[in-house]
Amino acid sequence: MRAPNARDTALRVLVRCRTAGAWADAALAAQLRRDGLSGPEAALCSRIVYGVMQNRLLLDFYLGAYC
């Protein structure tokens, strides 16, 4: 099994926020600790998570139009 990367971790956080109603900051901090990410990988993961959360309505609109 390969080590988790920023994208895998971000997906886990976003799924937890969507399905369990978790707060992004708490879920992100916990998942970063569990996956052992730090430095640039943790920074990329954070940008992905917060970027998706900030633009969720816009992303849903475009995905709905595309699908």
C-alpha atoms as a PDB file:
ATOM      1  CA  MET A   1       0.000   0.000   0.000  1.00  0.00           C
ATOM      2  CA  ARG A   2       1.330   3.427  -0.907  1.00  0.00           C
ATOM      3  CA  ALA A   3       1.666   6.343   1.485  1.00  0.00           C
ATOM      4  CA  PRO A   4      -1.193   8.873   1.439  1.00  0.00           C
ATOM      5  CA  ASN A   5      -0.599  12.029  -0.545  1.00  0.00           C
ATOM      6  CA  ALA A   6      -2.192  15.475  -0.425  1.00  0.00           C
ATOM      7  CA  ARG A   7      -4.932  14.590  -2.903  1.00  0.00           C
ATOM      8  CA  ASP A   8      -5.952  11.385  -1.125  1.00  0.00           C
ATOM      9  CA  THR A   9      -6.070  13.180   2.208  1.00  0.00           C
ATOM     10  CA  ALA A  10      -8.058  16.103   0.781  1.00  0.00           C
ATOM     11  CA  LEU A  11     -10.614  13.694  -0.655  1.00  0.00           C
ATOM     12  CA  ARG A  12     -11.031  11.966   2.715  1.00  0.00           C
ATOM     13  CA  VAL A  13     -11.548  15.332   4.428  1.00  0.00           C
ATOM     14  CA  LEU A  14     -14.061  16.548   1.852  1.00  0.00           C
ATOM     15  CA  VAL A  15     -16.031  13.295   2.010  1.00  0.00           C
ATOM     16  CA  ARG A  16     -16.135  13.524   5.808  1.00  0.00           C
ATOM     17  CA  CYS A  17     -17.353  17.127   5.621  1.00  0.00           C
ATOM     18  CA  ARG A  18     -20.049  16.222   3.106  1.00  0.00           C
ATOM     19  CA  THR A  19     -21.303  12.973   4.639  1.00  0.00           C
ATOM     20  CA  ALA A  20     -20.771  13.517   8.364  1.00  0.00           C
ATOM     21  CA  GLY A  21     -21.176  17.291   8.502  1.00  0.00           C
ATOM     22  CA  ALA A  22     -17.684  17.709   9.932  1.00  0.00           C
ATOM     23  CA  TRP A  23     -16.086  21.141  10.162  1.00  0.00           C
ATOM     24  CA  ALA A  24     -13.360  21.448   7.549  1.00  0.00           C
ATOM     25  CA  ASP A  25     -10.661  22.788   9.872  1.00  0.00           C
ATOM     26  CA  ALA A  26     -11.097  20.074  12.504  1.00  0.00           C
ATOM     27  CA  ALA A  27     -11.436  17.275   9.952  1.00  0.00           C
ATOM     28  CA  LEU A  28      -8.389  18.544   8.063  1.00  0.00           C
ATOM     29  CA  ALA A  29      -6.188  18.762  11.155  1.00  0.00           C
ATOM     30  CA  ALA A  30      -7.187  15.273  12.292  1.00  0.00           C
ATOM     31  CA  GLN A  31      -6.649  13.706   8.860  1.00  0.00           C
ATOM     32  CA  LEU A  32      -3.274  15.404   8.384  1.00  0.00           C
ATOM     33  CA  ARG A  33      -2.161  13.895  11.698  1.00  0.00           C
ATOM     34  CA  ARG A  34      -3.513  10.442  10.798  1.00  0.00           C
ATOM     35  CA  ASP A  35      -1.856  10.443   7.377  1.00  0.00           C
ATOM     36  CA  GLY A  36       1.371  12.002   8.649  1.00  0.00           C
ATOM     37  CA  LEU A  37       1.447  14.817   6.095  1.00  0.00           C
ATOM     38  CA  SER A  38       3.553  17.891   6.730  1.00  0.00           C
ATOM     39  CA  GLY A  39       5.331  20.619   4.816  1.00  0.00           C
ATOM     40  CA  PRO A  40       4.401  21.106   1.156  1.00  0.00           C
ATOM     41  CA  GLU A  41       2.062  18.092   1.061  1.00  0.00           C
ATOM     42  CA  ALA A  42       0.055  19.405   4.028  1.00  0.00           C
ATOM     43  CA  ALA A  43      -0.055  22.876   2.465  1.00  0.00           C
ATOM     44  CA  LEU A  44      -1.342  21.492  -0.850  1.00  0.00           C
ATOM     45  CA  CYS A  45      -3.962  19.427   0.955  1.00  0.00           C
ATOM     46  CA  SER A  46      -5.140  22.484   2.880  1.00  0.00           C
ATOM     47  CA  ARG A  47      -5.414  24.578  -0.299  1.00  0.00           C
ATOM     48  CA  ILE A  48      -7.441  21.856  -2.014  1.00  0.00           C
ATOM     49  CA  VAL A  49      -9.833  21.434   0.918  1.00  0.00           C
ATOM     50  CA  TYR A  50     -10.376  25.134   1.579  1.00  0.00           C
ATOM     51  CA  GLY A  51     -10.596  25.926  -2.142  1.00  0.00           C
ATOM     52  CA  VAL A  52     -13.302  23.330  -2.684  1.00  0.00           C
ATOM     53  CA  MET A  53     -15.203  24.444   0.413  1.00  0.00           C
ATOM     54  CA  GLN A  54     -15.077  28.101  -0.659  1.00  0.00           C
ATOM     55  CA  ASN A  55     -16.210  27.340  -4.205  1.00  0.00           C
ATOM     56  CA  ARG A  56     -18.571  24.448  -3.526  1.00  0.00           C
ATOM     57  CA  LEU A  57     -21.705  26.095  -4.918  1.00  0.00           C
ATOM     58  CA  LEU A  58     -19.927  27.162  -8.093  1.00  0.00           C
ATOM     59  CA  LEU A  59     -18.387  23.713  -8.527  1.00  0.00           C
ATOM     60  CA  ASP A  60     -21.773  22.047  -7.971  1.00  0.00           C
ATOM     61  CA  PHE A  61     -23.327  24.357 -10.580  1.00  0.00           C
ATOM     62  CA  TYR A  62     -20.723  23.511 -13.227  1.00  0.00           C
ATOM     63  CA  LEU A  63     -20.729  19.809 -12.425  1.00  0.00           C
ATOM     64  CA  GLY A  64     -24.530  19.759 -12.607  1.00  0.00           C
ATOM     65  CA  ALA A  65     -24.481  21.480 -15.997  1.00  0.00           C
ATOM     66  CA  TYR A  66     -21.784  19.112 -17.264  1.00  0.00           C
ATOM     67  CA  CYS A  67     -23.377  15.928 -15.942  1.00  0.00           C
END
